[in-house]
Amino acid sequence: MNMSGIDRLATSMAETGIRQEVGAAVLKKAQDIQKSTATQLLAAIPAMPGAQNLPAYLGNTINTKA
């Protein structure tokens, strides 16, 4: 193998590593933005008022046979 082939191979490997690092950084930034957006959306949901005049047993079980 000649030296120019080794140079091209080394350059190609370095570029691939940089591309992977950039891709991972972009993915992490996108996940951080999604986390922030989801947190803001959850905080914006108004609190539900308590159930009034309902028996205490309602809402204590889940029907899993339906």
PDB file of N, CA and C in Angstrom:
ATOM      1  N   MET A   1       0.857  -1.170   0.000  1.00  0.00           N
ATOM      2  CA  MET A   1       0.000   0.000   0.000  1.00  0.00           C
ATOM      3  C   MET A   1       0.899   1.228   0.000  1.00  0.00           C
ATOM      4  N   ASN A   2       0.561   2.166  -0.838  1.00  0.00           N
ATOM      5  CA  ASN A   2       1.387   3.374  -0.895  1.00  0.00           C
ATOM      6  C   ASN A   2       0.974   4.366   0.201  1.00  0.00           C
ATOM      7  N   MET A   3       1.765   5.383   0.390  1.00  0.00           N
ATOM      8  CA  MET A   3       1.536   6.342   1.480  1.00  0.00           C
ATOM      9  C   MET A   3       0.286   7.180   1.263  1.00  0.00           C
ATOM     10  N   SER A   4      -0.046   7.497   0.012  1.00  0.00           N
ATOM     11  CA  SER A   4      -1.243   8.308  -0.224  1.00  0.00           C
ATOM     12  C   SER A   4      -2.499   7.535   0.150  1.00  0.00           C
ATOM     13  N   GLY A   5      -2.485   6.223  -0.042  1.00  0.00           N
ATOM     14  CA  GLY A   5      -3.624   5.393   0.360  1.00  0.00           C
ATOM     15  C   GLY A   5      -3.797   5.391   1.864  1.00  0.00           C
ATOM     16  N   ILE A   6      -2.703   5.316   2.592  1.00  0.00           N
ATOM     17  CA  ILE A   6      -2.751   5.341   4.060  1.00  0.00           C
ATOM     18  C   ILE A   6      -3.247   6.705   4.534  1.00  0.00           C
ATOM     19  N   ASP A   7      -2.783   7.756   3.883  1.00  0.00           N
ATOM     20  CA  ASP A   7      -3.229   9.107   4.250  1.00  0.00           C
ATOM     21  C   ASP A   7      -4.733   9.255   4.042  1.00  0.00           C
ATOM     22  N   ARG A   8      -5.210   8.780   2.907  1.00  0.00           N
ATOM     23  CA  ARG A   8      -6.660   8.881   2.631  1.00  0.00           C
ATOM     24  C   ARG A   8      -7.462   8.055   3.633  1.00  0.00           C
ATOM     25  N   LEU A   9      -6.970   6.886   3.973  1.00  0.00           N
ATOM     26  CA  LEU A   9      -7.657   6.030   4.939  1.00  0.00           C
ATOM     27  C   LEU A   9      -7.712   6.707   6.307  1.00  0.00           C
ATOM     28  N   ALA A  10      -6.606   7.260   6.752  1.00  0.00           N
ATOM     29  CA  ALA A  10      -6.566   7.933   8.052  1.00  0.00           C
ATOM     30  C   ALA A  10      -7.489   9.139   8.065  1.00  0.00           C
ATOM     31  N   THR A  11      -7.494   9.909   6.993  1.00  0.00           N
ATOM     32  CA  THR A  11      -8.375  11.076   6.899  1.00  0.00           C
ATOM     33  C   THR A  11      -9.830  10.651   6.916  1.00  0.00           C
ATOM     34  N   SER A  12     -10.139   9.607   6.173  1.00  0.00           N
ATOM     35  CA  SER A  12     -11.508   9.097   6.124  1.00  0.00           C
ATOM     36  C   SER A  12     -11.974   8.620   7.496  1.00  0.00           C
ATOM     37  N   MET A  13     -11.097   7.916   8.206  1.00  0.00           N
ATOM     38  CA  MET A  13     -11.455   7.434   9.548  1.00  0.00           C
ATOM     39  C   MET A  13     -11.665   8.597  10.509  1.00  0.00           C
ATOM     40  N   ALA A  14     -10.832   9.624  10.409  1.00  0.00           N
ATOM     41  CA  ALA A  14     -10.977  10.789  11.285  1.00  0.00           C
ATOM     42  C   ALA A  14     -12.275  11.522  10.987  1.00  0.00           C
ATOM     43  N   GLU A  15     -12.621  11.669   9.708  1.00  0.00           N
ATOM     44  CA  GLU A  15     -13.863  12.341   9.334  1.00  0.00           C
ATOM     45  C   GLU A  15     -15.078  11.559   9.821  1.00  0.00           C
ATOM     46  N   THR A  16     -14.998  10.237   9.744  1.00  0.00           N
ATOM     47  CA  THR A  16     -16.104   9.405  10.222  1.00  0.00           C
ATOM     48  C   THR A  16     -16.296   9.589  11.727  1.00  0.00           C
ATOM     49  N   GLY A  17     -15.202   9.615  12.459  1.00  0.00           N
ATOM     50  CA  GLY A  17     -15.296   9.819  13.904  1.00  0.00           C
ATOM     51  C   GLY A  17     -15.882  11.173  14.242  1.00  0.00           C
ATOM     52  N   ILE A  18     -15.494  12.202  13.507  1.00  0.00           N
ATOM     53  CA  ILE A  18     -16.024  13.544  13.754  1.00  0.00           C
ATOM     54  C   ILE A  18     -17.510  13.578  13.433  1.00  0.00           C
ATOM     55  N   ARG A  19     -17.896  12.944  12.326  1.00  0.00           N
ATOM     56  CA  ARG A  19     -19.322  12.908  11.967  1.00  0.00           C
ATOM     57  C   ARG A  19     -20.138  12.227  13.057  1.00  0.00           C
ATOM     58  N   GLN A  20     -19.630  11.147  13.608  1.00  0.00           N
ATOM     59  CA  GLN A  20     -20.349  10.440  14.666  1.00  0.00           C
ATOM     60  C   GLN A  20     -20.463  11.301  15.920  1.00  0.00           C
ATOM     61  N   GLU A  21     -19.412  12.011  16.266  1.00  0.00           N
ATOM     62  CA  GLU A  21     -19.442  12.887  17.437  1.00  0.00           C
ATOM     63  C   GLU A  21     -20.443  14.016  17.237  1.00  0.00           C
ATOM     64  N   VAL A  22     -20.457  14.602  16.048  1.00  0.00           N
ATOM     65  CA  VAL A  22     -21.398  15.679  15.756  1.00  0.00           C
ATOM     66  C   VAL A  22     -22.825  15.141  15.790  1.00  0.00           C
ATOM     67  N   GLY A  23     -23.042  13.975  15.218  1.00  0.00           N
ATOM     68  CA  GLY A  23     -24.374  13.368  15.233  1.00  0.00           C
ATOM     69  C   GLY A  23     -24.852  13.100  16.647  1.00  0.00           C
ATOM     70  N   ALA A  24     -23.971  12.602  17.489  1.00  0.00           N
ATOM     71  CA  ALA A  24     -24.344  12.343  18.884  1.00  0.00           C
ATOM     72  C   ALA A  24     -24.651  13.640  19.619  1.00  0.00           C
ATOM     73  N   ALA A  25     -23.882  14.695  19.350  1.00  0.00           N
ATOM     74  CA  ALA A  25     -24.125  15.991  20.001  1.00  0.00           C
ATOM     75  C   ALA A  25     -25.465  16.572  19.563  1.00  0.00           C
ATOM     76  N   VAL A  26     -25.781  16.452  18.272  1.00  0.00           N
ATOM     77  CA  VAL A  26     -27.064  16.959  17.765  1.00  0.00           C
ATOM     78  C   VAL A  26     -28.215  16.171  18.370  1.00  0.00           C
ATOM     79  N   LEU A  27     -28.068  14.855  18.458  1.00  0.00           N
ATOM     80  CA  LEU A  27     -29.105  14.017  19.060  1.00  0.00           C
ATOM     81  C   LEU A  27     -29.325  14.399  20.520  1.00  0.00           C
ATOM     82  N   LYS A  28     -28.258  14.598  21.279  1.00  0.00           N
ATOM     83  CA  LYS A  28     -28.385  14.974  22.684  1.00  0.00           C
ATOM     84  C   LYS A  28     -29.078  16.318  22.820  1.00  0.00           C
ATOM     85  N   LYS A  29     -28.739  17.273  21.964  1.00  0.00           N
ATOM     86  CA  LYS A  29     -29.379  18.598  22.013  1.00  0.00           C
ATOM     87  C   LYS A  29     -30.867  18.475  21.701  1.00  0.00           C
ATOM     88  N   ALA A  30     -31.226  17.657  20.710  1.00  0.00           N
ATOM     89  CA  ALA A  30     -32.631  17.452  20.369  1.00  0.00           C
ATOM     90  C   ALA A  30     -33.387  16.816  21.535  1.00  0.00           C
ATOM     91  N   GLN A  31     -32.760  15.856  22.200  1.00  0.00           N
ATOM     92  CA  GLN A  31     -33.405  15.223  23.354  1.00  0.00           C
ATOM     93  C   GLN A  31     -33.582  16.219  24.498  1.00  0.00           C
ATOM     94  N   ASP A  32     -32.602  17.089  24.711  1.00  0.00           N
ATOM     95  CA  ASP A  32     -32.717  18.104  25.752  1.00  0.00           C
ATOM     96  C   ASP A  32     -33.865  19.066  25.451  1.00  0.00           C
ATOM     97  N   ILE A  33     -34.003  19.447  24.177  1.00  0.00           N
ATOM     98  CA  ILE A  33     -35.090  20.345  23.790  1.00  0.00           C
ATOM     99  C   ILE A  33     -36.435  19.663  23.990  1.00  0.00           C
ATOM    100  N   GLN A  34     -36.546  18.389  23.612  1.00  0.00           N
ATOM    101  CA  GLN A  34     -37.792  17.651  23.797  1.00  0.00           C
ATOM    102  C   GLN A  34     -38.134  17.510  25.276  1.00  0.00           C
ATOM    103  N   LYS A  35     -37.135  17.267  26.095  1.00  0.00           N
ATOM    104  CA  LYS A  35     -37.362  17.148  27.542  1.00  0.00           C
ATOM    105  C   LYS A  35     -37.876  18.472  28.092  1.00  0.00           C
ATOM    106  N   SER A  36     -37.265  19.566  27.678  1.00  0.00           N
ATOM    107  CA  SER A  36     -37.680  20.884  28.151  1.00  0.00           C
ATOM    108  C   SER A  36     -39.107  21.192  27.705  1.00  0.00           C
ATOM    109  N   THR A  37     -39.416  20.881  26.458  1.00  0.00           N
ATOM    110  CA  THR A  37     -40.761  21.136  25.930  1.00  0.00           C
ATOM    111  C   THR A  37     -41.801  20.301  26.670  1.00  0.00           C
ATOM    112  N   ALA A  38     -41.501  19.033  26.904  1.00  0.00           N
ATOM    113  CA  ALA A  38     -42.434  18.160  27.616  1.00  0.00           C
ATOM    114  C   ALA A  38     -42.655  18.655  29.042  1.00  0.00           C
ATOM    115  N   THR A  39     -41.590  19.101  29.689  1.00  0.00           N
ATOM    116  CA  THR A  39     -41.711  19.623  31.050  1.00  0.00           C
ATOM    117  C   THR A  39     -42.605  20.861  31.076  1.00  0.00           C
ATOM    118  N   GLN A  40     -42.427  21.739  30.100  1.00  0.00           N
ATOM    119  CA  GLN A  40     -43.249  22.945  30.025  1.00  0.00           C
ATOM    120  C   GLN A  40     -44.708  22.606  29.756  1.00  0.00           C
ATOM    121  N   LEU A  41     -44.953  21.629  28.874  1.00  0.00           N
ATOM    122  CA  LEU A  41     -46.330  21.224  28.590  1.00  0.00           C
ATOM    123  C   LEU A  41     -46.999  20.622  29.822  1.00  0.00           C
ATOM    124  N   LEU A  42     -46.269  19.792  30.547  1.00  0.00           N
ATOM    125  CA  LEU A  42     -46.836  19.192  31.755  1.00  0.00           C
ATOM    126  C   LEU A  42     -47.112  20.245  32.821  1.00  0.00           C
ATOM    127  N   ALA A  43     -46.253  21.237  32.918  1.00  0.00           N
ATOM    128  CA  ALA A  43     -46.455  22.302  33.901  1.00  0.00           C
ATOM    129  C   ALA A  43     -47.644  23.175  33.529  1.00  0.00           C
ATOM    130  N   ALA A  44     -47.977  23.234  32.241  1.00  0.00           N
ATOM    131  CA  ALA A  44     -49.075  24.082  31.786  1.00  0.00           C
ATOM    132  C   ALA A  44     -50.449  23.448  31.991  1.00  0.00           C
ATOM    133  N   ILE A  45     -50.495  22.163  32.279  1.00  0.00           N
ATOM    134  CA  ILE A  45     -51.774  21.491  32.492  1.00  0.00           C
ATOM    135  C   ILE A  45     -52.362  21.964  33.818  1.00  0.00           C
ATOM    136  N   PRO A  46     -53.587  22.483  33.774  1.00  0.00           N
ATOM    137  CA  PRO A  46     -54.186  22.956  35.030  1.00  0.00           C
ATOM    138  C   PRO A  46     -54.520  21.785  35.961  1.00  0.00           C
ATOM    139  N   ALA A  47     -54.468  22.059  37.229  1.00  0.00           N
ATOM    140  CA  ALA A  47     -54.784  21.035  38.223  1.00  0.00           C
ATOM    141  C   ALA A  47     -56.276  20.735  38.176  1.00  0.00           C
ATOM    142  N   MET A  48     -56.600  19.464  38.306  1.00  0.00           N
ATOM    143  CA  MET A  48     -58.001  19.057  38.303  1.00  0.00           C
ATOM    144  C   MET A  48     -58.606  19.297  39.686  1.00  0.00           C
ATOM    145  N   PRO A  49     -59.789  19.857  39.710  1.00  0.00           N
ATOM    146  CA  PRO A  49     -60.441  20.040  41.017  1.00  0.00           C
ATOM    147  C   PRO A  49     -60.826  18.681  41.599  1.00  0.00           C
ATOM    148  N   GLY A  50     -60.867  18.590  42.878  1.00  0.00           N
ATOM    149  CA  GLY A  50     -61.222  17.335  43.531  1.00  0.00           C
ATOM    150  C   GLY A  50     -62.644  16.921  43.193  1.00  0.00           C
ATOM    151  N   ALA A  51     -62.887  15.625  43.179  1.00  0.00           N
ATOM    152  CA  ALA A  51     -64.219  15.112  42.887  1.00  0.00           C
ATOM    153  C   ALA A  51     -65.136  15.452  44.055  1.00  0.00           C
ATOM    154  N   GLN A  52     -66.232  16.071  43.727  1.00  0.00           N
ATOM    155  CA  GLN A  52     -67.153  16.502  44.775  1.00  0.00           C
ATOM    156  C   GLN A  52     -68.398  15.615  44.777  1.00  0.00           C
ATOM    157  N   ASN A  53     -68.850  15.295  45.942  1.00  0.00           N
ATOM    158  CA  ASN A  53     -70.088  14.539  46.143  1.00  0.00           C
ATOM    159  C   ASN A  53     -70.064  13.161  45.491  1.00  0.00           C
ATOM    160  N   LEU A  54     -68.909  12.525  45.437  1.00  0.00           N
ATOM    161  CA  LEU A  54     -68.828  11.174  44.915  1.00  0.00           C
ATOM    162  C   LEU A  54     -68.464  10.221  46.046  1.00  0.00           C
ATOM    163  N   PRO A  55     -68.964   8.973  45.977  1.00  0.00           N
ATOM    164  CA  PRO A  55     -68.614   8.007  47.027  1.00  0.00           C
ATOM    165  C   PRO A  55     -67.101   7.763  47.072  1.00  0.00           C
ATOM    166  N   ALA A  56     -66.587   7.442  48.238  1.00  0.00           N
ATOM    167  CA  ALA A  56     -65.155   7.263  48.454  1.00  0.00           C
ATOM    168  C   ALA A  56     -64.594   6.058  47.699  1.00  0.00           C
ATOM    169  N   TYR A  57     -65.453   5.069  47.374  1.00  0.00           N
ATOM    170  CA  TYR A  57     -64.952   3.865  46.712  1.00  0.00           C
ATOM    171  C   TYR A  57     -64.715   4.059  45.211  1.00  0.00           C
ATOM    172  N   LEU A  58     -65.241   5.105  44.616  1.00  0.00           N
ATOM    173  CA  LEU A  58     -65.063   5.317  43.182  1.00  0.00           C
ATOM    174  C   LEU A  58     -63.620   5.705  42.873  1.00  0.00           C
ATOM    175  N   GLY A  59     -63.083   5.098  41.832  1.00  0.00           N
ATOM    176  CA  GLY A  59     -61.726   5.427  41.392  1.00  0.00           C
ATOM    177  C   GLY A  59     -60.629   4.644  42.090  1.00  0.00           C
ATOM    178  N   ASN A  60     -60.994   3.639  42.890  1.00  0.00           N
ATOM    179  CA  ASN A  60     -59.987   2.867  43.617  1.00  0.00           C
ATOM    180  C   ASN A  60     -59.558   1.607  42.892  1.00  0.00           C
ATOM    181  N   THR A  61     -60.292   1.195  41.851  1.00  0.00           N
ATOM    182  CA  THR A  61     -59.969  -0.034  41.121  1.00  0.00           C
ATOM    183  C   THR A  61     -59.960   0.233  39.623  1.00  0.00           C
ATOM    184  N   ILE A  62     -59.306  -0.663  38.897  1.00  0.00           N
ATOM    185  CA  ILE A  62     -59.267  -0.576  37.442  1.00  0.00           C
ATOM    186  C   ILE A  62     -59.837  -1.863  36.886  1.00  0.00           C
ATOM    187  N   ASN A  63     -60.791  -1.745  35.950  1.00  0.00           N
ATOM    188  CA  ASN A  63     -61.392  -2.905  35.321  1.00  0.00           C
ATOM    189  C   ASN A  63     -60.458  -3.402  34.238  1.00  0.00           C
ATOM    190  N   THR A  64     -59.837  -4.547  34.458  1.00  0.00           N
ATOM    191  CA  THR A  64     -58.897  -5.101  33.484  1.00  0.00           C
ATOM    192  C   THR A  64     -59.517  -6.191  32.621  1.00  0.00           C
ATOM    193  N   LYS A  65     -60.801  -6.475  32.779  1.00  0.00           N
ATOM    194  CA  LYS A  65     -61.460  -7.529  32.025  1.00  0.00           C
ATOM    195  C   LYS A  65     -62.195  -6.975  30.803  1.00  0.00           C
ATOM    196  N   ALA A  66     -62.234  -5.709  30.648  1.00  0.00           N
ATOM    197  CA  ALA A  66     -62.982  -5.098  29.542  1.00  0.00           C
ATOM    198  C   ALA A  66     -62.273  -5.287  28.233  1.00  0.00           C
TER     199      ALA A  66
END
